[in-house]
Amino acid sequence: MAVLLGAILMHFTGWAWLDPVLCIAFTLFIVVNVLKSLRQTLALFLQVTPDPALQQQIRVQLAELDFVKGIHHLHLWSLDGEQHVLTMHLEIATPANFNEQLAYKKQIATLLGPYKLSHTTVEFEVSGEACRDSH
């Protein structure tokens, strides 16, 4: 539309300078939008946390669960800017049987439900157990 209006203006007014001005304006518009997209795309490739405050909020809420003694290796990242993935190790205070672990998983699922995470992985560790991912 701008090109058409520019051409009409140049035709009737003879303002030849309008063509390079419109070219520069279009170029700047494209460059600005490319830079915005580039930053977001780079963040996705680097698996940057979508919102550090969100990650901290999740950590605090999980720590408030009565069976959680500690949390480590908590990682939150975005697959595509819309779908988020969460992985973590939860240290539980006492060894739990199968039914207790199922109850823990339900509590965690309920707590994480509002965050609409696409994929969540939770690994339980007993208090004092050496984490296999610690180096």
N, C-alpha and C. Protein backbone atom coordinates (compact mmCIF):
# COMPACT_ATOMS: atom_id res chain seq x y z
N MET A 1 0.83 -1.19 0.00
CA MET A 1 0.00 0.00 0.00
C MET A 1 0.88 1.26 0.00
N ALA A 2 1.93 1.22 0.82
CA ALA A 2 2.83 2.38 0.90
C ALA A 2 3.54 2.60 -0.43
N VAL A 3 3.90 1.51 -1.11
CA VAL A 3 4.58 1.63 -2.41
C VAL A 3 3.64 2.27 -3.43
N LEU A 4 2.38 1.84 -3.41
CA LEU A 4 1.40 2.39 -4.34
C LEU A 4 1.18 3.87 -4.06
N LEU A 5 1.00 4.22 -2.79
CA LEU A 5 0.81 5.63 -2.44
C LEU A 5 2.05 6.46 -2.78
N GLY A 6 3.23 5.89 -2.51
CA GLY A 6 4.47 6.58 -2.85
C GLY A 6 4.58 6.81 -4.34
N ALA A 7 4.23 5.81 -5.14
CA ALA A 7 4.30 5.95 -6.60
C ALA A 7 3.32 7.01 -7.09
N ILE A 8 2.13 7.04 -6.52
CA ILE A 8 1.13 8.05 -6.92
C ILE A 8 1.63 9.45 -6.55
N LEU A 9 2.17 9.58 -5.32
CA LEU A 9 2.69 10.89 -4.91
C LEU A 9 3.84 11.34 -5.81
N MET A 10 4.76 10.41 -6.12
CA MET A 10 5.89 10.77 -6.99
C MET A 10 5.41 11.17 -8.38
N HIS A 11 4.39 10.48 -8.87
CA HIS A 11 3.87 10.77 -10.21
C HIS A 11 3.28 12.18 -10.29
N PHE A 12 2.45 12.54 -9.28
CA PHE A 12 1.76 13.83 -9.34
C PHE A 12 2.58 14.99 -8.77
N THR A 13 3.54 14.71 -7.88
CA THR A 13 4.31 15.82 -7.28
C THR A 13 5.72 15.94 -7.84
N GLY A 14 6.25 14.85 -8.39
CA GLY A 14 7.62 14.87 -8.89
C GLY A 14 8.65 14.73 -7.79
N TRP A 15 8.23 14.32 -6.62
CA TRP A 15 9.15 14.14 -5.49
C TRP A 15 9.92 12.84 -5.65
N ALA A 16 11.00 12.90 -6.37
CA ALA A 16 11.81 11.70 -6.60
C ALA A 16 12.51 11.23 -5.33
N TRP A 17 12.74 12.12 -4.39
CA TRP A 17 13.39 11.76 -3.13
C TRP A 17 12.54 10.81 -2.29
N LEU A 18 11.24 10.72 -2.58
CA LEU A 18 10.33 9.87 -1.81
C LEU A 18 10.68 8.39 -1.97
N ASP A 19 11.16 8.00 -3.13
CA ASP A 19 11.50 6.59 -3.36
C ASP A 19 12.61 6.11 -2.43
N PRO A 20 13.77 6.79 -2.34
CA PRO A 20 14.80 6.30 -1.42
C PRO A 20 14.37 6.39 0.05
N VAL A 21 13.57 7.39 0.39
CA VAL A 21 13.09 7.50 1.78
C VAL A 21 12.21 6.29 2.13
N LEU A 22 11.33 5.91 1.23
CA LEU A 22 10.47 4.74 1.47
C LEU A 22 11.31 3.46 1.53
N CYS A 23 12.33 3.36 0.68
CA CYS A 23 13.21 2.18 0.72
C CYS A 23 13.93 2.08 2.05
N ILE A 24 14.45 3.19 2.54
CA ILE A 24 15.13 3.19 3.84
C ILE A 24 14.15 2.84 4.96
N ALA A 25 12.95 3.40 4.91
CA ALA A 25 11.94 3.12 5.94
C ALA A 25 11.58 1.64 5.95
N PHE A 26 11.37 1.07 4.76
CA PHE A 26 11.04 -0.37 4.68
C PHE A 26 12.20 -1.21 5.21
N THR A 27 13.41 -0.84 4.84
CA THR A 27 14.59 -1.59 5.30
C THR A 27 14.70 -1.54 6.81
N LEU A 28 14.52 -0.38 7.40
CA LEU A 28 14.58 -0.25 8.86
C LEU A 28 13.49 -1.08 9.54
N PHE A 29 12.30 -1.05 8.96
CA PHE A 29 11.19 -1.84 9.50
C PHE A 29 11.54 -3.33 9.49
N ILE A 30 12.09 -3.80 8.40
CA ILE A 30 12.46 -5.22 8.28
C ILE A 30 13.58 -5.56 9.26
N VAL A 31 14.61 -4.72 9.34
CA VAL A 31 15.74 -4.99 10.24
C VAL A 31 15.28 -5.05 11.69
N VAL A 32 14.44 -4.12 12.11
CA VAL A 32 13.94 -4.12 13.49
C VAL A 32 13.18 -5.41 13.80
N ASN A 33 12.34 -5.83 12.90
CA ASN A 33 11.57 -7.06 13.12
C ASN A 33 12.44 -8.31 13.08
N VAL A 34 13.46 -8.31 12.24
CA VAL A 34 14.39 -9.44 12.20
C VAL A 34 15.15 -9.53 13.51
N LEU A 35 15.59 -8.40 14.04
CA LEU A 35 16.33 -8.41 15.31
C LEU A 35 15.45 -8.91 16.46
N LYS A 36 14.18 -8.51 16.47
CA LYS A 36 13.26 -9.02 17.51
C LYS A 36 13.12 -10.54 17.39
N SER A 37 12.91 -11.02 16.20
CA SER A 37 12.76 -12.46 15.99
C SER A 37 14.05 -13.21 16.26
N LEU A 38 15.18 -12.59 15.91
CA LEU A 38 16.47 -13.23 16.12
C LEU A 38 16.73 -13.46 17.61
N ARG A 39 16.42 -12.47 18.44
CA ARG A 39 16.60 -12.60 19.89
C ARG A 39 15.75 -13.75 20.44
N GLN A 40 14.50 -13.81 20.02
CA GLN A 40 13.61 -14.88 20.49
C GLN A 40 14.07 -16.25 19.97
N THR A 41 14.47 -16.32 18.73
CA THR A 41 14.95 -17.58 18.15
C THR A 41 16.23 -18.05 18.82
N LEU A 42 17.13 -17.14 19.08
CA LEU A 42 18.37 -17.49 19.76
C LEU A 42 18.08 -18.01 21.17
N ALA A 43 17.14 -17.39 21.87
CA ALA A 43 16.77 -17.86 23.21
C ALA A 43 16.22 -19.28 23.15
N LEU A 44 15.45 -19.60 22.12
CA LEU A 44 14.92 -20.96 21.98
C LEU A 44 16.04 -21.96 21.72
N PHE A 45 16.97 -21.59 20.84
CA PHE A 45 18.08 -22.50 20.55
C PHE A 45 18.96 -22.74 21.76
N LEU A 46 19.13 -21.72 22.59
CA LEU A 46 19.96 -21.84 23.78
C LEU A 46 19.19 -22.40 24.97
N GLN A 47 17.92 -22.71 24.77
CA GLN A 47 17.04 -23.26 25.81
C GLN A 47 17.05 -22.39 27.06
N VAL A 48 16.87 -21.11 26.85
CA VAL A 48 16.83 -20.14 27.94
C VAL A 48 15.52 -20.31 28.71
N THR A 49 15.58 -20.12 30.02
CA THR A 49 14.38 -20.16 30.84
C THR A 49 13.42 -19.09 30.35
N PRO A 50 12.15 -19.46 30.08
CA PRO A 50 11.22 -18.48 29.55
C PRO A 50 11.01 -17.29 30.49
N ASP A 51 11.01 -17.55 31.80
CA ASP A 51 10.82 -16.49 32.77
C ASP A 51 11.46 -16.93 34.08
N PRO A 52 12.60 -16.35 34.44
CA PRO A 52 13.27 -16.75 35.69
C PRO A 52 12.37 -16.63 36.92
N ALA A 53 11.49 -15.63 36.93
CA ALA A 53 10.57 -15.47 38.06
C ALA A 53 9.61 -16.64 38.14
N LEU A 54 9.17 -17.15 36.99
CA LEU A 54 8.29 -18.31 36.95
C LEU A 54 9.00 -19.53 37.52
N GLN A 55 10.24 -19.73 37.15
CA GLN A 55 11.02 -20.86 37.66
C GLN A 55 11.14 -20.75 39.19
N GLN A 56 11.42 -19.57 39.69
CA GLN A 56 11.55 -19.38 41.13
C GLN A 56 10.22 -19.62 41.84
N GLN A 57 9.14 -19.18 41.22
CA GLN A 57 7.81 -19.38 41.81
C GLN A 57 7.49 -20.87 41.91
N ILE A 58 7.80 -21.63 40.88
CA ILE A 58 7.58 -23.07 40.89
C ILE A 58 8.42 -23.71 41.98
N ARG A 59 9.68 -23.31 42.09
CA ARG A 59 10.58 -23.86 43.11
C ARG A 59 10.02 -23.61 44.51
N VAL A 60 9.57 -22.40 44.77
CA VAL A 60 9.03 -22.05 46.10
C VAL A 60 7.79 -22.88 46.40
N GLN A 61 6.90 -23.01 45.44
CA GLN A 61 5.67 -23.77 45.67
C GLN A 61 5.97 -25.25 45.92
N LEU A 62 6.91 -25.81 45.17
CA LEU A 62 7.27 -27.21 45.38
C LEU A 62 7.91 -27.41 46.75
N ALA A 63 8.74 -26.47 47.17
CA ALA A 63 9.41 -26.58 48.47
C ALA A 63 8.42 -26.56 49.62
N GLU A 64 7.25 -26.00 49.40
CA GLU A 64 6.23 -25.93 50.45
C GLU A 64 5.48 -27.24 50.65
N LEU A 65 5.63 -28.19 49.72
CA LEU A 65 4.98 -29.49 49.89
C LEU A 65 5.61 -30.20 51.09
N ASP A 66 4.78 -30.82 51.91
CA ASP A 66 5.28 -31.39 53.17
C ASP A 66 6.27 -32.54 52.99
N PHE A 67 6.23 -33.24 51.89
CA PHE A 67 7.13 -34.38 51.70
C PHE A 67 8.46 -33.99 51.04
N VAL A 68 8.59 -32.74 50.59
CA VAL A 68 9.79 -32.30 49.88
C VAL A 68 10.81 -31.77 50.88
N LYS A 69 11.98 -32.38 50.87
CA LYS A 69 13.07 -31.92 51.73
C LYS A 69 14.01 -30.99 50.95
N GLY A 70 14.15 -31.21 49.66
CA GLY A 70 15.04 -30.38 48.85
C GLY A 70 14.73 -30.52 47.37
N ILE A 71 15.17 -29.53 46.62
CA ILE A 71 14.97 -29.52 45.16
C ILE A 71 16.30 -29.14 44.52
N HIS A 72 16.71 -29.89 43.52
CA HIS A 72 17.89 -29.52 42.76
C HIS A 72 17.71 -29.96 41.31
N HIS A 73 18.61 -29.52 40.48
CA HIS A 73 18.53 -29.78 39.03
C HIS A 73 17.16 -29.41 38.47
N LEU A 74 16.61 -28.30 38.93
CA LEU A 74 15.34 -27.81 38.40
C LEU A 74 15.65 -26.98 37.16
N HIS A 75 15.13 -27.42 36.04
CA HIS A 75 15.38 -26.75 34.77
C HIS A 75 14.04 -26.50 34.08
N LEU A 76 13.82 -25.27 33.66
CA LEU A 76 12.63 -24.89 32.93
C LEU A 76 13.08 -24.24 31.63
N TRP A 77 12.60 -24.73 30.51
CA TRP A 77 12.96 -24.13 29.24
C TRP A 77 11.79 -24.24 28.28
N SER A 78 11.90 -23.52 27.19
CA SER A 78 10.82 -23.46 26.21
C SER A 78 11.18 -24.24 24.95
N LEU A 79 10.22 -24.98 24.45
CA LEU A 79 10.43 -25.71 23.20
C LEU A 79 10.27 -24.80 21.99
N ASP A 80 9.27 -23.91 22.06
CA ASP A 80 8.97 -23.07 20.91
C ASP A 80 8.47 -21.68 21.28
N GLY A 81 8.64 -21.30 22.53
CA GLY A 81 8.13 -20.01 22.98
C GLY A 81 6.76 -20.11 23.61
N GLU A 82 6.05 -21.18 23.35
CA GLU A 82 4.71 -21.39 23.89
C GLU A 82 4.65 -22.61 24.80
N GLN A 83 5.34 -23.66 24.44
CA GLN A 83 5.32 -24.92 25.19
C GLN A 83 6.59 -25.00 26.05
N HIS A 84 6.38 -25.20 27.36
CA HIS A 84 7.50 -25.23 28.29
C HIS A 84 7.70 -26.62 28.86
N VAL A 85 8.96 -26.92 29.20
CA VAL A 85 9.37 -28.21 29.74
C VAL A 85 9.99 -27.96 31.10
N LEU A 86 9.69 -28.85 32.06
CA LEU A 86 10.25 -28.74 33.41
C LEU A 86 10.81 -30.09 33.82
N THR A 87 12.07 -30.09 34.28
CA THR A 87 12.66 -31.29 34.85
C THR A 87 13.24 -30.92 36.20
N MET A 88 13.26 -31.91 37.12
CA MET A 88 13.78 -31.63 38.46
C MET A 88 14.02 -32.91 39.23
N HIS A 89 14.85 -32.78 40.26
CA HIS A 89 15.05 -33.84 41.23
C HIS A 89 14.45 -33.35 42.54
N LEU A 90 13.54 -34.14 43.11
CA LEU A 90 12.95 -33.81 44.41
C LEU A 90 13.50 -34.77 45.45
N GLU A 91 14.07 -34.20 46.48
CA GLU A 91 14.54 -35.02 47.59
C GLU A 91 13.39 -35.15 48.58
N ILE A 92 12.97 -36.39 48.82
CA ILE A 92 11.87 -36.61 49.76
C ILE A 92 12.44 -36.94 51.13
N ALA A 93 11.73 -36.51 52.15
CA ALA A 93 12.23 -36.60 53.52
C ALA A 93 12.45 -38.04 53.98
N THR A 94 11.51 -38.93 53.66
CA THR A 94 11.64 -40.33 54.08
C THR A 94 11.33 -41.23 52.89
N PRO A 95 11.87 -42.44 52.89
CA PRO A 95 11.55 -43.36 51.79
C PRO A 95 10.03 -43.55 51.69
N ALA A 96 9.54 -43.62 50.48
CA ALA A 96 8.09 -43.74 50.26
C ALA A 96 7.80 -45.00 49.47
N ASN A 97 6.69 -45.65 49.82
CA ASN A 97 6.27 -46.83 49.06
C ASN A 97 5.58 -46.36 47.77
N PHE A 98 5.18 -47.32 46.97
CA PHE A 98 4.60 -47.03 45.67
C PHE A 98 3.37 -46.13 45.78
N ASN A 99 2.46 -46.44 46.68
CA ASN A 99 1.23 -45.65 46.83
C ASN A 99 1.53 -44.23 47.30
N GLU A 100 2.50 -44.08 48.18
CA GLU A 100 2.87 -42.74 48.63
C GLU A 100 3.48 -41.94 47.49
N GLN A 101 4.29 -42.59 46.67
CA GLN A 101 4.88 -41.88 45.53
C GLN A 101 3.79 -41.45 44.54
N LEU A 102 2.79 -42.29 44.33
CA LEU A 102 1.67 -41.91 43.46
C LEU A 102 0.95 -40.69 44.03
N ALA A 103 0.76 -40.67 45.34
CA ALA A 103 0.11 -39.52 45.98
C ALA A 103 0.97 -38.27 45.81
N TYR A 104 2.28 -38.41 45.95
CA TYR A 104 3.18 -37.28 45.75
C TYR A 104 3.06 -36.75 44.32
N LYS A 105 3.04 -37.67 43.37
CA LYS A 105 2.94 -37.27 41.96
C LYS A 105 1.64 -36.52 41.69
N LYS A 106 0.55 -36.96 42.31
CA LYS A 106 -0.74 -36.26 42.13
C LYS A 106 -0.67 -34.85 42.70
N GLN A 107 -0.03 -34.70 43.87
CA GLN A 107 0.10 -33.37 44.47
C GLN A 107 0.94 -32.46 43.57
N ILE A 108 2.00 -33.02 43.03
CA ILE A 108 2.87 -32.23 42.14
C ILE A 108 2.10 -31.84 40.87
N ALA A 109 1.36 -32.79 40.30
CA ALA A 109 0.59 -32.51 39.09
C ALA A 109 -0.45 -31.42 39.35
N THR A 110 -1.09 -31.46 40.51
CA THR A 110 -2.08 -30.45 40.86
C THR A 110 -1.41 -29.08 41.00
N LEU A 111 -0.26 -29.06 41.64
CA LEU A 111 0.46 -27.81 41.84
C LEU A 111 0.93 -27.22 40.51
N LEU A 112 1.39 -28.07 39.61
CA LEU A 112 1.93 -27.60 38.32
C LEU A 112 0.85 -27.38 37.26
N GLY A 113 -0.36 -27.86 37.51
CA GLY A 113 -1.45 -27.75 36.53
C GLY A 113 -1.66 -26.37 35.95
N PRO A 114 -1.73 -25.33 36.77
CA PRO A 114 -1.97 -23.98 36.24
C PRO A 114 -0.88 -23.47 35.30
N TYR A 115 0.30 -24.05 35.34
CA TYR A 115 1.40 -23.57 34.51
C TYR A 115 1.34 -24.11 33.08
N LYS A 116 0.47 -25.06 32.84
CA LYS A 116 0.26 -25.60 31.49
C LYS A 116 1.58 -26.01 30.82
N LEU A 117 2.37 -26.79 31.54
CA LEU A 117 3.65 -27.28 31.02
C LEU A 117 3.38 -28.41 30.02
N SER A 118 4.14 -28.45 28.95
CA SER A 118 3.97 -29.48 27.93
C SER A 118 4.55 -30.82 28.36
N HIS A 119 5.63 -30.74 29.14
CA HIS A 119 6.31 -31.97 29.54
C HIS A 119 6.97 -31.72 30.89
N THR A 120 6.79 -32.67 31.81
CA THR A 120 7.39 -32.55 33.13
C THR A 120 8.03 -33.87 33.50
N THR A 121 9.26 -33.81 33.99
CA THR A 121 9.95 -35.00 34.48
C THR A 121 10.38 -34.73 35.92
N VAL A 122 9.97 -35.61 36.82
CA VAL A 122 10.31 -35.48 38.23
C VAL A 122 11.02 -36.76 38.65
N GLU A 123 12.19 -36.59 39.24
CA GLU A 123 12.91 -37.75 39.77
C GLU A 123 12.95 -37.60 41.29
N PHE A 124 12.45 -38.65 41.98
CA PHE A 124 12.50 -38.65 43.44
C PHE A 124 13.84 -39.20 43.91
N GLU A 125 14.38 -38.56 44.94
CA GLU A 125 15.59 -39.05 45.59
C GLU A 125 15.32 -39.07 47.09
N VAL A 126 15.79 -40.10 47.74
CA VAL A 126 15.63 -40.22 49.19
C VAL A 126 16.68 -39.35 49.87
N SER A 127 16.32 -38.78 51.01
CA SER A 127 17.24 -37.93 51.75
C SER A 127 18.55 -38.68 52.01
N GLY A 128 19.65 -38.04 51.67
CA GLY A 128 20.96 -38.64 51.86
C GLY A 128 21.46 -39.43 50.66
N GLU A 129 20.61 -39.71 49.71
CA GLU A 129 21.01 -40.45 48.50
C GLU A 129 21.89 -39.56 47.64
N ALA A 130 22.93 -40.10 47.12
CA ALA A 130 23.81 -39.34 46.24
C ALA A 130 23.12 -39.14 44.90
N CYS A 131 23.11 -37.92 44.43
CA CYS A 131 22.50 -37.60 43.14
C CYS A 131 23.45 -38.07 42.03
N ARG A 132 22.93 -38.85 41.11
CA ARG A 132 23.78 -39.39 40.05
C ARG A 132 24.21 -38.31 39.06
N ASP A 133 23.54 -37.16 39.08
CA ASP A 133 23.88 -36.09 38.15
C ASP A 133 24.86 -35.08 38.74
N SER A 134 25.19 -35.21 40.02
CA SER A 134 26.14 -34.28 40.64
C SER A 134 27.56 -34.68 40.25
N HIS A 135 28.32 -33.69 39.91
CA HIS A 135 29.70 -33.96 39.49
C HIS A 135 30.65 -33.20 40.35
